Amino acid sequence: AGGVAGASVIAKLAGIKKIISFDMGGTSTDVSLCNGDVRLTTQTIINE
């Protein structure tokens, strides 16, 4: 979530609102779509 927040702020400074954040680290890749603001959901499933 910190990565998505950082990507959204950095992109806005660059004049870009619509982004897909692509966070590829050592273990996993996390992707999120922001339409100007960070999108939220209440339908998350962790380990079933």
PDB file of all heavy atoms in Angstrom:
ATOM      1  N   ALA A   1       0.836  -1.208   0.000  1.00  0.00           N
ATOM      2  CA  ALA A   1       0.000   0.000   0.000  1.00  0.00           C
ATOM      3  C   ALA A   1       0.869   1.255   0.000  1.00  0.00           C
ATOM      4  O   ALA A   1       0.536   2.258  -0.644  1.00  0.00           O
ATOM      5  CB  ALA A   1      -0.924   0.005   1.211  1.00  0.00           C
ATOM      6  N   GLY A   2       1.987   1.218   0.706  1.00  0.00           N
ATOM      7  CA  GLY A   2       2.910   2.351   0.693  1.00  0.00           C
ATOM      8  C   GLY A   2       3.456   2.610  -0.697  1.00  0.00           C
ATOM      9  O   GLY A   2       3.645   3.758  -1.106  1.00  0.00           O
ATOM     10  N   GLY A   3       3.697   1.547  -1.454  1.00  0.00           N
ATOM     11  CA  GLY A   3       4.170   1.705  -2.824  1.00  0.00           C
ATOM     12  C   GLY A   3       3.147   2.365  -3.720  1.00  0.00           C
ATOM     13  O   GLY A   3       3.482   3.256  -4.519  1.00  0.00           O
ATOM     14  N   VAL A   4       1.881   1.956  -3.599  1.00  0.00           N
ATOM     15  CA  VAL A   4       0.822   2.557  -4.410  1.00  0.00           C
ATOM     16  C   VAL A   4       0.663   4.037  -4.058  1.00  0.00           C
ATOM     17  O   VAL A   4       0.513   4.891  -4.940  1.00  0.00           O
ATOM     18  CB  VAL A   4      -0.510   1.804  -4.214  1.00  0.00           C
ATOM     19  CG1 VAL A   4      -1.627   2.466  -5.022  1.00  0.00           C
ATOM     20  CG2 VAL A   4      -0.368   0.342  -4.626  1.00  0.00           C
ATOM     21  N   ALA A   5       0.706   4.342  -2.751  1.00  0.00           N
ATOM     22  CA  ALA A   5       0.596   5.743  -2.326  1.00  0.00           C
ATOM     23  C   ALA A   5       1.745   6.570  -2.886  1.00  0.00           C
ATOM     24  O   ALA A   5       1.542   7.685  -3.389  1.00  0.00           O
ATOM     25  CB  ALA A   5       0.576   5.815  -0.792  1.00  0.00           C
ATOM     26  N   GLY A   6       2.957   6.035  -2.825  1.00  0.00           N
ATOM     27  CA  GLY A   6       4.113   6.759  -3.359  1.00  0.00           C
ATOM     28  C   GLY A   6       4.028   6.951  -4.857  1.00  0.00           C
ATOM     29  O   GLY A   6       4.332   8.029  -5.380  1.00  0.00           O
ATOM     30  N   ALA A   7       3.600   5.914  -5.576  1.00  0.00           N
ATOM     31  CA  ALA A   7       3.474   6.012  -7.033  1.00  0.00           C
ATOM     32  C   ALA A   7       2.455   7.070  -7.428  1.00  0.00           C
ATOM     33  O   ALA A   7       2.666   7.835  -8.371  1.00  0.00           O
ATOM     34  CB  ALA A   7       3.070   4.654  -7.611  1.00  0.00           C
ATOM     35  N   SER A   8       1.340   7.135  -6.686  1.00  0.00           N
ATOM     36  CA  SER A   8       0.294   8.112  -6.990  1.00  0.00           C
ATOM     37  C   SER A   8       0.798   9.541  -6.801  1.00  0.00           C
ATOM     38  O   SER A   8       0.572  10.422  -7.643  1.00  0.00           O
ATOM     39  CB  SER A   8      -0.923   7.845  -6.100  1.00  0.00           C
ATOM     40  OG  SER A   8      -1.944   8.794  -6.331  1.00  0.00           O
ATOM     41  N   VAL A   9       1.521   9.788  -5.701  1.00  0.00           N
ATOM     42  CA  VAL A   9       2.029  11.135  -5.419  1.00  0.00           C
ATOM     43  C   VAL A   9       3.078  11.546  -6.456  1.00  0.00           C
ATOM     44  O   VAL A   9       3.036  12.659  -7.001  1.00  0.00           O
ATOM     45  CB  VAL A   9       2.624  11.196  -3.998  1.00  0.00           C
ATOM     46  CG1 VAL A   9       3.353  12.520  -3.782  1.00  0.00           C
ATOM     47  CG2 VAL A   9       1.526  11.031  -2.956  1.00  0.00           C
ATOM     48  N   ILE A  10       4.019  10.656  -6.741  1.00  0.00           N
ATOM     49  CA  ILE A  10       5.084  10.967  -7.701  1.00  0.00           C
ATOM     50  C   ILE A  10       4.496  11.251  -9.079  1.00  0.00           C
ATOM     51  O   ILE A  10       4.915  12.180  -9.790  1.00  0.00           O
ATOM     52  CB  ILE A  10       6.091   9.801  -7.770  1.00  0.00           C
ATOM     53  CG1 ILE A  10       6.847   9.650  -6.449  1.00  0.00           C
ATOM     54  CG2 ILE A  10       7.056   9.996  -8.929  1.00  0.00           C
ATOM     55  CD1 ILE A  10       7.757  10.790  -6.108  1.00  0.00           C
ATOM     56  N   ALA A  11       3.504  10.444  -9.491  1.00  0.00           N
ATOM     57  CA  ALA A  11       2.896  10.626 -10.809  1.00  0.00           C
ATOM     58  C   ALA A  11       2.166  11.967 -10.896  1.00  0.00           C
ATOM     59  O   ALA A  11       2.240  12.665 -11.919  1.00  0.00           O
ATOM     60  CB  ALA A  11       1.933   9.477 -11.106  1.00  0.00           C
ATOM     61  N   LYS A  12       1.462  12.354  -9.830  1.00  0.00           N
ATOM     62  CA  LYS A  12       0.755  13.642  -9.837  1.00  0.00           C
ATOM     63  C   LYS A  12       1.734  14.806  -9.966  1.00  0.00           C
ATOM     64  O   LYS A  12       1.444  15.792 -10.655  1.00  0.00           O
ATOM     65  CB  LYS A  12      -0.088  13.778  -8.569  1.00  0.00           C
ATOM     66  CG  LYS A  12      -1.357  12.935  -8.580  1.00  0.00           C
ATOM     67  CD  LYS A  12      -2.144  13.099  -7.290  1.00  0.00           C
ATOM     68  CE  LYS A  12      -3.394  12.234  -7.286  1.00  0.00           C
ATOM     69  NZ  LYS A  12      -4.123  12.304  -5.999  1.00  0.00           N
ATOM     70  N   LEU A  13       2.882  14.707  -9.303  1.00  0.00           N
ATOM     71  CA  LEU A  13       3.898  15.758  -9.440  1.00  0.00           C
ATOM     72  C   LEU A  13       4.354  15.882 -10.894  1.00  0.00           C
ATOM     73  O   LEU A  13       4.694  16.971 -11.364  1.00  0.00           O
ATOM     74  CB  LEU A  13       5.100  15.458  -8.545  1.00  0.00           C
ATOM     75  CG  LEU A  13       4.913  15.655  -7.039  1.00  0.00           C
ATOM     76  CD1 LEU A  13       6.143  15.177  -6.286  1.00  0.00           C
ATOM     77  CD2 LEU A  13       4.621  17.119  -6.711  1.00  0.00           C
ATOM     78  N   ALA A  14       4.357  14.743 -11.599  1.00  0.00           N
ATOM     79  CA  ALA A  14       4.772  14.737 -13.005  1.00  0.00           C
ATOM     80  C   ALA A  14       3.622  15.080 -13.946  1.00  0.00           C
ATOM     81  O   ALA A  14       3.783  15.036 -15.165  1.00  0.00           O
ATOM     82  CB  ALA A  14       5.345  13.371 -13.367  1.00  0.00           C
ATOM     83  N   GLY A  15       2.453  15.417 -13.367  1.00  0.00           N
ATOM     84  CA  GLY A  15       1.297  15.795 -14.180  1.00  0.00           C
ATOM     85  C   GLY A  15       0.527  14.616 -14.741  1.00  0.00           C
ATOM     86  O   GLY A  15      -0.214  14.760 -15.715  1.00  0.00           O
ATOM     87  N   ILE A  16       0.663  13.448 -14.117  1.00  0.00           N
ATOM     88  CA  ILE A  16      -0.007  12.238 -14.597  1.00  0.00           C
ATOM     89  C   ILE A  16      -0.978  11.754 -13.527  1.00  0.00           C
ATOM     90  O   ILE A  16      -0.595  11.539 -12.371  1.00  0.00           O
ATOM     91  CB  ILE A  16       1.022  11.124 -14.908  1.00  0.00           C
ATOM     92  CG1 ILE A  16       2.017  11.611 -15.960  1.00  0.00           C
ATOM     93  CG2 ILE A  16       0.325   9.851 -15.375  1.00  0.00           C
ATOM     94  CD1 ILE A  16       3.214  10.677 -16.136  1.00  0.00           C
ATOM     95  N   LYS A  17      -2.248  11.573 -13.884  1.00  0.00           N
ATOM     96  CA  LYS A  17      -3.260  11.140 -12.917  1.00  0.00           C
ATOM     97  C   LYS A  17      -3.621   9.667 -13.059  1.00  0.00           C
ATOM     98  O   LYS A  17      -3.803   8.967 -12.079  1.00  0.00           O
ATOM     99  CB  LYS A  17      -4.522  11.995 -13.058  1.00  0.00           C
ATOM    100  CG  LYS A  17      -4.355  13.429 -12.592  1.00  0.00           C
ATOM    101  CD  LYS A  17      -5.665  14.180 -12.637  1.00  0.00           C
ATOM    102  CE  LYS A  17      -5.506  15.609 -12.112  1.00  0.00           C
ATOM    103  NZ  LYS A  17      -6.790  16.347 -12.147  1.00  0.00           N
ATOM    104  N   LYS A  18      -3.741   9.199 -14.288  1.00  0.00           N
ATOM    105  CA  LYS A  18      -4.145   7.811 -14.515  1.00  0.00           C
ATOM    106  C   LYS A  18      -2.913   6.920 -14.581  1.00  0.00           C
ATOM    107  O   LYS A  18      -2.135   7.010 -15.527  1.00  0.00           O
ATOM    108  CB  LYS A  18      -4.948   7.690 -15.812  1.00  0.00           C
ATOM    109  CG  LYS A  18      -6.327   8.334 -15.758  1.00  0.00           C
ATOM    110  CD  LYS A  18      -7.090   8.040 -17.043  1.00  0.00           C
ATOM    111  CE  LYS A  18      -8.516   8.530 -16.966  1.00  0.00           C
ATOM    112  NZ  LYS A  18      -9.276   8.158 -18.186  1.00  0.00           N
ATOM    113  N   ILE A  19      -2.750   6.069 -13.577  1.00  0.00           N
ATOM    114  CA  ILE A  19      -1.557   5.224 -13.542  1.00  0.00           C
ATOM    115  C   ILE A  19      -1.910   3.783 -13.198  1.00  0.00           C
ATOM    116  O   ILE A  19      -2.948   3.500 -12.590  1.00  0.00           O
ATOM    117  CB  ILE A  19      -0.513   5.735 -12.523  1.00  0.00           C
ATOM    118  CG1 ILE A  19      -1.042   5.568 -11.086  1.00  0.00           C
ATOM    119  CG2 ILE A  19      -0.118   7.165 -12.798  1.00  0.00           C
ATOM    120  CD1 ILE A  19       0.025   5.704 -10.023  1.00  0.00           C
ATOM    121  N   ILE A  20      -1.025   2.885 -13.607  1.00  0.00           N
ATOM    122  CA  ILE A  20      -1.015   1.516 -13.106  1.00  0.00           C
ATOM    123  C   ILE A  20       0.311   1.348 -12.379  1.00  0.00           C
ATOM    124  O   ILE A  20       1.375   1.479 -12.986  1.00  0.00           O
ATOM    125  CB  ILE A  20      -1.153   0.486 -14.239  1.00  0.00           C
ATOM    126  CG1 ILE A  20      -2.537   0.591 -14.880  1.00  0.00           C
ATOM    127  CG2 ILE A  20      -0.918  -0.931 -13.709  1.00  0.00           C
ATOM    128  CD1 ILE A  20      -2.715  -0.258 -16.114  1.00  0.00           C
ATOM    129  N   SER A  21       0.247   1.131 -11.065  1.00  0.00           N
ATOM    130  CA  SER A  21       1.485   0.968 -10.298  1.00  0.00           C
ATOM    131  C   SER A  21       1.956  -0.474 -10.431  1.00  0.00           C
ATOM    132  O   SER A  21       1.181  -1.414 -10.307  1.00  0.00           O
ATOM    133  CB  SER A  21       1.265   1.342  -8.827  1.00  0.00           C
ATOM    134  OG  SER A  21       0.437   0.399  -8.179  1.00  0.00           O
ATOM    135  N   PHE A  22       3.248  -0.623 -10.687  1.00  0.00           N
ATOM    136  CA  PHE A  22       3.859  -1.929 -10.943  1.00  0.00           C
ATOM    137  C   PHE A  22       5.049  -2.068 -10.006  1.00  0.00           C
ATOM    138  O   PHE A  22       6.099  -1.484 -10.222  1.00  0.00           O
ATOM    139  CB  PHE A  22       4.271  -2.009 -12.416  1.00  0.00           C
ATOM    140  CG  PHE A  22       5.211  -3.125 -12.758  1.00  0.00           C
ATOM    141  CD1 PHE A  22       4.937  -4.431 -12.403  1.00  0.00           C
ATOM    142  CD2 PHE A  22       6.391  -2.863 -13.448  1.00  0.00           C
ATOM    143  CE1 PHE A  22       5.807  -5.457 -12.721  1.00  0.00           C
ATOM    144  CE2 PHE A  22       7.272  -3.878 -13.782  1.00  0.00           C
ATOM    145  CZ  PHE A  22       6.982  -5.181 -13.408  1.00  0.00           C
ATOM    146  N   ASP A  23       4.850  -2.829  -8.928  1.00  0.00           N
ATOM    147  CA  ASP A  23       5.832  -2.952  -7.855  1.00  0.00           C
ATOM    148  C   ASP A  23       6.388  -4.373  -7.873  1.00  0.00           C
ATOM    149  O   ASP A  23       5.751  -5.308  -7.381  1.00  0.00           O
ATOM    150  CB  ASP A  23       5.154  -2.650  -6.516  1.00  0.00           C
ATOM    151  CG  ASP A  23       6.095  -2.786  -5.328  1.00  0.00           C
ATOM    152  OD1 ASP A  23       7.281  -3.060  -5.535  1.00  0.00           O
ATOM    153  OD2 ASP A  23       5.625  -2.607  -4.181  1.00  0.00           O
ATOM    154  N   MET A  24       7.567  -4.540  -8.459  1.00  0.00           N
ATOM    155  CA  MET A  24       8.187  -5.860  -8.559  1.00  0.00           C
ATOM    156  C   MET A  24       9.400  -5.920  -7.648  1.00  0.00           C
ATOM    157  O   MET A  24      10.407  -5.261  -7.887  1.00  0.00           O
ATOM    158  CB  MET A  24       8.596  -6.169 -10.001  1.00  0.00           C
ATOM    159  CG  MET A  24       9.145  -7.561 -10.186  1.00  0.00           C
ATOM    160  SD  MET A  24       9.552  -7.895 -11.917  1.00  0.00           S
ATOM    161  CE  MET A  24      10.138  -9.598 -11.793  1.00  0.00           C
ATOM    162  N   GLY A  25       9.277  -6.689  -6.585  1.00  0.00           N
ATOM    163  CA  GLY A  25      10.372  -6.823  -5.649  1.00  0.00           C
ATOM    164  C   GLY A  25      11.058  -8.165  -5.788  1.00  0.00           C
ATOM    165  O   GLY A  25      11.151  -8.730  -6.876  1.00  0.00           O
ATOM    166  N   GLY A  26      11.515  -8.721  -4.666  1.00  0.00           N
ATOM    167  CA  GLY A  26      12.226  -9.977  -4.702  1.00  0.00           C
ATOM    168  C   GLY A  26      11.319 -11.193  -4.690  1.00  0.00           C
ATOM    169  O   GLY A  26      11.628 -12.218  -5.299  1.00  0.00           O
ATOM    170  N   THR A  27      10.186 -11.088  -3.987  1.00  0.00           N
ATOM    171  CA  THR A  27       9.310 -12.243  -3.811  1.00  0.00           C
ATOM    172  C   THR A  27       8.069 -12.177  -4.679  1.00  0.00           C
ATOM    173  O   THR A  27       7.607 -13.198  -5.194  1.00  0.00           O
ATOM    174  CB  THR A  27       8.880 -12.353  -2.332  1.00  0.00           C
ATOM    175  OG1 THR A  27      10.045 -12.408  -1.515  1.00  0.00           O
ATOM    176  CG2 THR A  27       8.045 -13.588  -2.096  1.00  0.00           C
ATOM    177  N   SER A  28       7.498 -11.000  -4.851  1.00  0.00           N
ATOM    178  CA  SER A  28       6.220 -10.891  -5.548  1.00  0.00           C
ATOM    179  C   SER A  28       6.140  -9.610  -6.359  1.00  0.00           C
ATOM    180  O   SER A  28       7.004  -8.741  -6.281  1.00  0.00           O
ATOM    181  CB  SER A  28       5.062 -10.934  -4.534  1.00  0.00           C
ATOM    182  OG  SER A  28       5.134  -9.789  -3.686  1.00  0.00           O
ATOM    183  N   THR A  29       5.078  -9.526  -7.131  1.00  0.00           N
ATOM    184  CA  THR A  29       4.747  -8.312  -7.879  1.00  0.00           C
ATOM    185  C   THR A  29       3.359  -7.865  -7.463  1.00  0.00           C
ATOM    186  O   THR A  29       2.412  -8.670  -7.438  1.00  0.00           O
ATOM    187  CB  THR A  29       4.771  -8.577  -9.391  1.00  0.00           C
ATOM    188  OG1 THR A  29       6.122  -8.824  -9.800  1.00  0.00           O
ATOM    189  CG2 THR A  29       4.233  -7.384 -10.168  1.00  0.00           C
ATOM    190  N   ASP A  30       3.218  -6.582  -7.122  1.00  0.00           N
ATOM    191  CA  ASP A  30       1.932  -6.013  -6.720  1.00  0.00           C
ATOM    192  C   ASP A  30       1.545  -4.938  -7.729  1.00  0.00           C
ATOM    193  O   ASP A  30       2.341  -4.044  -8.019  1.00  0.00           O
ATOM    194  CB  ASP A  30       2.033  -5.385  -5.323  1.00  0.00           C
ATOM    195  CG  ASP A  30       2.606  -6.356  -4.300  1.00  0.00           C
ATOM    196  OD1 ASP A  30       1.931  -7.336  -4.000  1.00  0.00           O
ATOM    197  OD2 ASP A  30       3.739  -6.132  -3.823  1.00  0.00           O
ATOM    198  N   VAL A  31       0.325  -5.011  -8.250  1.00  0.00           N
ATOM    199  CA  VAL A  31      -0.140  -4.032  -9.228  1.00  0.00           C
ATOM    200  C   VAL A  31      -1.448  -3.419  -8.760  1.00  0.00           C
ATOM    201  O   VAL A  31      -2.260  -4.072  -8.104  1.00  0.00           O
ATOM    202  CB  VAL A  31      -0.316  -4.668 -10.630  1.00  0.00           C
ATOM    203  CG1 VAL A  31       1.011  -5.171 -11.159  1.00  0.00           C
ATOM    204  CG2 VAL A  31      -1.343  -5.807 -10.606  1.00  0.00           C
ATOM    205  N   SER A  32      -1.635  -2.146  -9.085  1.00  0.00           N
ATOM    206  CA  SER A  32      -2.845  -1.437  -8.694  1.00  0.00           C
ATOM    207  C   SER A  32      -3.149  -0.361  -9.726  1.00  0.00           C
ATOM    208  O   SER A  32      -2.235   0.167 -10.364  1.00  0.00           O
ATOM    209  CB  SER A  32      -2.672  -0.804  -7.309  1.00  0.00           C
ATOM    210  OG  SER A  32      -3.855  -0.150  -6.888  1.00  0.00           O
ATOM    211  N   LEU A  33      -4.412  -0.038  -9.889  1.00  0.00           N
ATOM    212  CA  LEU A  33      -4.834   1.000 -10.829  1.00  0.00           C
ATOM    213  C   LEU A  33      -5.349   2.201 -10.049  1.00  0.00           C
ATOM    214  O   LEU A  33      -6.164   2.063  -9.131  1.00  0.00           O
ATOM    215  CB  LEU A  33      -5.921   0.443 -11.754  1.00  0.00           C
ATOM    216  CG  LEU A  33      -6.456   1.381 -12.839  1.00  0.00           C
ATOM    217  CD1 LEU A  33      -6.749   0.611 -14.124  1.00  0.00           C
ATOM    218  CD2 LEU A  33      -7.739   2.080 -12.378  1.00  0.00           C
ATOM    219  N   CYS A  34      -4.846   3.389 -10.392  1.00  0.00           N
ATOM    220  CA  CYS A  34      -5.266   4.630  -9.741  1.00  0.00           C
ATOM    221  C   CYS A  34      -5.843   5.570 -10.795  1.00  0.00           C
ATOM    222  O   CYS A  34      -5.173   5.877 -11.779  1.00  0.00           O
ATOM    223  CB  CYS A  34      -4.097   5.309  -9.034  1.00  0.00           C
ATOM    224  SG  CYS A  34      -3.319   4.304  -7.753  1.00  0.00           S
ATOM    225  N   ASN A  35      -7.049   6.013 -10.554  1.00  0.00           N
ATOM    226  CA  ASN A  35      -7.714   6.921 -11.480  1.00  0.00           C
ATOM    227  C   ASN A  35      -7.703   8.326 -10.902  1.00  0.00           C
ATOM    228  O   ASN A  35      -8.742   8.954 -10.709  1.00  0.00           O
ATOM    229  CB  ASN A  35      -9.160   6.464 -11.703  1.00  0.00           C
ATOM    230  CG  ASN A  35      -9.507   6.338 -13.169  1.00  0.00           C
ATOM    231  OD1 ASN A  35      -8.869   6.971 -14.006  1.00  0.00           O
ATOM    232  ND2 ASN A  35     -10.494   5.534 -13.484  1.00  0.00           N
ATOM    233  N   GLY A  36      -6.537   8.831 -10.584  1.00  0.00           N
ATOM    234  CA  GLY A  36      -6.430  10.118  -9.899  1.00  0.00           C
ATOM    235  C   GLY A  36      -6.195   9.936  -8.420  1.00  0.00           C
ATOM    236  O   GLY A  36      -5.408  10.632  -7.805  1.00  0.00           O
ATOM    237  N   ASP A  37      -6.898   8.978  -7.814  1.00  0.00           N
ATOM    238  CA  ASP A  37      -6.724   8.665  -6.394  1.00  0.00           C
ATOM    239  C   ASP A  37      -6.556   7.167  -6.232  1.00  0.00           C
ATOM    240  O   ASP A  37      -6.928   6.374  -7.103  1.00  0.00           O
ATOM    241  CB  ASP A  37      -7.941   9.141  -5.577  1.00  0.00           C
ATOM    242  CG  ASP A  37      -8.030  10.661  -5.517  1.00  0.00           C
ATOM    243  OD1 ASP A  37      -7.051  11.290  -5.098  1.00  0.00           O
ATOM    244  OD2 ASP A  37      -9.084  11.206  -5.889  1.00  0.00           O
ATOM    245  N   VAL A  38      -6.009   6.776  -5.087  1.00  0.00           N
ATOM    246  CA  VAL A  38      -5.829   5.361  -4.785  1.00  0.00           C
ATOM    247  C   VAL A  38      -7.197   4.707  -4.615  1.00  0.00           C
ATOM    248  O   VAL A  38      -8.056   5.214  -3.893  1.00  0.00           O
ATOM    249  CB  VAL A  38      -4.977   5.186  -3.504  1.00  0.00           C
ATOM    250  CG1 VAL A  38      -4.907   3.721  -3.098  1.00  0.00           C
ATOM    251  CG2 VAL A  38      -3.584   5.759  -3.721  1.00  0.00           C
ATOM    252  N   ARG A  39      -7.419   3.578  -5.299  1.00  0.00           N
ATOM    253  CA  ARG A  39      -8.706   2.883  -5.237  1.00  0.00           C
ATOM    254  C   ARG A  39      -8.703   1.890  -4.071  1.00  0.00           C
ATOM    255  O   ARG A  39      -7.705   1.229  -3.797  1.00  0.00           O
ATOM    256  CB  ARG A  39      -8.970   2.123  -6.543  1.00  0.00           C
ATOM    257  CG  ARG A  39      -9.235   3.041  -7.726  1.00  0.00           C
ATOM    258  CD  ARG A  39      -9.117   2.284  -9.042  1.00  0.00           C
ATOM    259  NE  ARG A  39      -9.898   1.066  -9.054  1.00  0.00           N
ATOM    260  CZ  ARG A  39     -11.197   1.001  -9.334  1.00  0.00           C
ATOM    261  NH1 ARG A  39     -11.845   2.111  -9.631  1.00  0.00           N
ATOM    262  NH2 ARG A  39     -11.839  -0.149  -9.329  1.00  0.00           N
ATOM    263  N   LEU A  40      -9.855   1.778  -3.400  1.00  0.00           N
ATOM    264  CA  LEU A  40     -10.002   0.880  -2.255  1.00  0.00           C
ATOM    265  C   LEU A  40     -10.995  -0.237  -2.570  1.00  0.00           C
ATOM    266  O   LEU A  40     -11.841  -0.098  -3.446  1.00  0.00           O
ATOM    267  CB  LEU A  40     -10.479   1.648  -1.028  1.00  0.00           C
ATOM    268  CG  LEU A  40      -9.600   2.800  -0.538  1.00  0.00           C
ATOM    269  CD1 LEU A  40     -10.273   3.532   0.608  1.00  0.00           C
ATOM    270  CD2 LEU A  40      -8.240   2.282  -0.098  1.00  0.00           C
ATOM    271  N   THR A  41     -10.879  -1.318  -1.834  1.00  0.00           N
ATOM    272  CA  THR A  41     -11.832  -2.418  -1.956  1.00  0.00           C
ATOM    273  C   THR A  41     -12.043  -3.027  -0.576  1.00  0.00           C
ATOM    274  O   THR A  41     -11.183  -2.911   0.311  1.00  0.00           O
ATOM    275  CB  THR A  41     -11.324  -3.500  -2.930  1.00  0.00           C
ATOM    276  OG1 THR A  41     -12.312  -4.542  -3.037  1.00  0.00           O
ATOM    277  CG2 THR A  41     -10.016  -4.111  -2.466  1.00  0.00           C
ATOM    278  N   THR A  42     -13.174  -3.688  -0.395  1.00  0.00           N
ATOM    279  CA  THR A  42     -13.433  -4.442   0.843  1.00  0.00           C
ATOM    280  C   THR A  42     -13.612  -5.920   0.518  1.00  0.00           C
ATOM    281  O   THR A  42     -14.197  -6.667   1.297  1.00  0.00           O
ATOM    282  CB  THR A  42     -14.692  -3.909   1.554  1.00  0.00           C
ATOM    283  OG1 THR A  42     -15.813  -3.967   0.655  1.00  0.00           O
ATOM    284  CG2 THR A  42     -14.496  -2.481   2.021  1.00  0.00           C
ATOM    285  N   GLN A  43     -13.112  -6.338  -0.649  1.00  0.00           N
ATOM    286  CA  GLN A  43     -13.277  -7.722  -1.097  1.00  0.00           C
ATOM    287  C   GLN A  43     -11.947  -8.471  -1.166  1.00  0.00           C
ATOM    288  O   GLN A  43     -11.756  -9.337  -2.001  1.00  0.00           O
ATOM    289  CB  GLN A  43     -13.937  -7.734  -2.492  1.00  0.00           C
ATOM    290  CG  GLN A  43     -15.265  -6.992  -2.580  1.00  0.00           C
ATOM    291  CD  GLN A  43     -16.369  -7.669  -1.782  1.00  0.00           C
ATOM    292  OE1 GLN A  43     -16.420  -8.891  -1.703  1.00  0.00           O
ATOM    293  NE2 GLN A  43     -17.238  -6.877  -1.183  1.00  0.00           N
ATOM    294  N   THR A  44     -11.013  -8.135  -0.282  1.00  0.00           N
ATOM    295  CA  THR A  44      -9.697  -8.764  -0.303  1.00  0.00           C
ATOM    296  C   THR A  44      -9.714 -10.128   0.390  1.00  0.00           C
ATOM    297  O   THR A  44     -10.373 -10.303   1.420  1.00  0.00           O
ATOM    298  CB  THR A  44      -8.668  -7.854   0.395  1.00  0.00           C
ATOM    299  OG1 THR A  44      -8.639  -6.600  -0.285  1.00  0.00           O
ATOM    300  CG2 THR A  44      -7.281  -8.464   0.370  1.00  0.00           C
ATOM    301  N   ILE A  45      -8.981 -11.086  -0.190  1.00  0.00           N
ATOM    302  CA  ILE A  45      -8.844 -12.408   0.416  1.00  0.00           C
ATOM    303  C   ILE A  45      -7.354 -12.688   0.608  1.00  0.00           C
ATOM    304  O   ILE A  45      -6.571 -12.617  -0.329  1.00  0.00           O
ATOM    305  CB  ILE A  45      -9.487 -13.500  -0.458  1.00  0.00           C
ATOM    306  CG1 ILE A  45     -11.000 -13.263  -0.566  1.00  0.00           C
ATOM    307  CG2 ILE A  45      -9.199 -14.891   0.123  1.00  0.00           C
ATOM    308  CD1 ILE A  45     -11.709 -14.243  -1.471  1.00  0.00           C
ATOM    309  N   ILE A  46      -6.957 -13.000   1.841  1.00  0.00           N
ATOM    310  CA  ILE A  46      -5.576 -13.332   2.174  1.00  0.00           C
ATOM    311  C   ILE A  46      -5.552 -14.756   2.721  1.00  0.00           C
ATOM    312  O   ILE A  46      -6.194 -15.041   3.734  1.00  0.00           O
ATOM    313  CB  ILE A  46      -4.991 -12.359   3.231  1.00  0.00           C
ATOM    314  CG1 ILE A  46      -5.086 -10.902   2.757  1.00  0.00           C
ATOM    315  CG2 ILE A  46      -3.553 -12.730   3.549  1.00  0.00           C
ATOM    316  CD1 ILE A  46      -4.212 -10.572   1.580  1.00  0.00           C
ATOM    317  N   ASN A  47      -4.809 -15.647   2.037  1.00  0.00           N
ATOM    318  CA  ASN A  47      -4.709 -17.035   2.485  1.00  0.00           C
ATOM    319  C   ASN A  47      -6.090 -17.651   2.717  1.00  0.00           C
ATOM    320  O   ASN A  47      -6.336 -18.324   3.725  1.00  0.00           O
ATOM    321  CB  ASN A  47      -3.861 -17.119   3.770  1.00  0.00           C
ATOM    322  CG  ASN A  47      -3.345 -18.510   4.016  1.00  0.00           C
ATOM    323  OD1 ASN A  47      -3.203 -19.298   3.087  1.00  0.00           O
ATOM    324  ND2 ASN A  47      -3.085 -18.827   5.275  1.00  0.00           N
ATOM    325  N   GLU A  48      -7.012 -17.380   1.754  1.00  0.00           N
ATOM    326  CA  GLU A  48      -8.375 -17.910   1.756  1.00  0.00           C
ATOM    327  C   GLU A  48      -9.247 -17.334   2.872  1.00  0.00           C
ATOM    328  O   GLU A  48     -10.334 -17.849   3.138  1.00  0.00           O
ATOM    329  CB  GLU A  48      -8.364 -19.443   1.830  1.00  0.00           C
ATOM    330  CG  GLU A  48      -7.625 -20.096   0.663  1.00  0.00           C
ATOM    331  CD  GLU A  48      -7.672 -21.608   0.709  1.00  0.00           C
ATOM    332  OE1 GLU A  48      -8.359 -22.164   1.597  1.00  0.00           O
ATOM    333  OE2 GLU A  48      -7.022 -22.241  -0.147  1.00  0.00           O
TER     334      GLU A  48
END
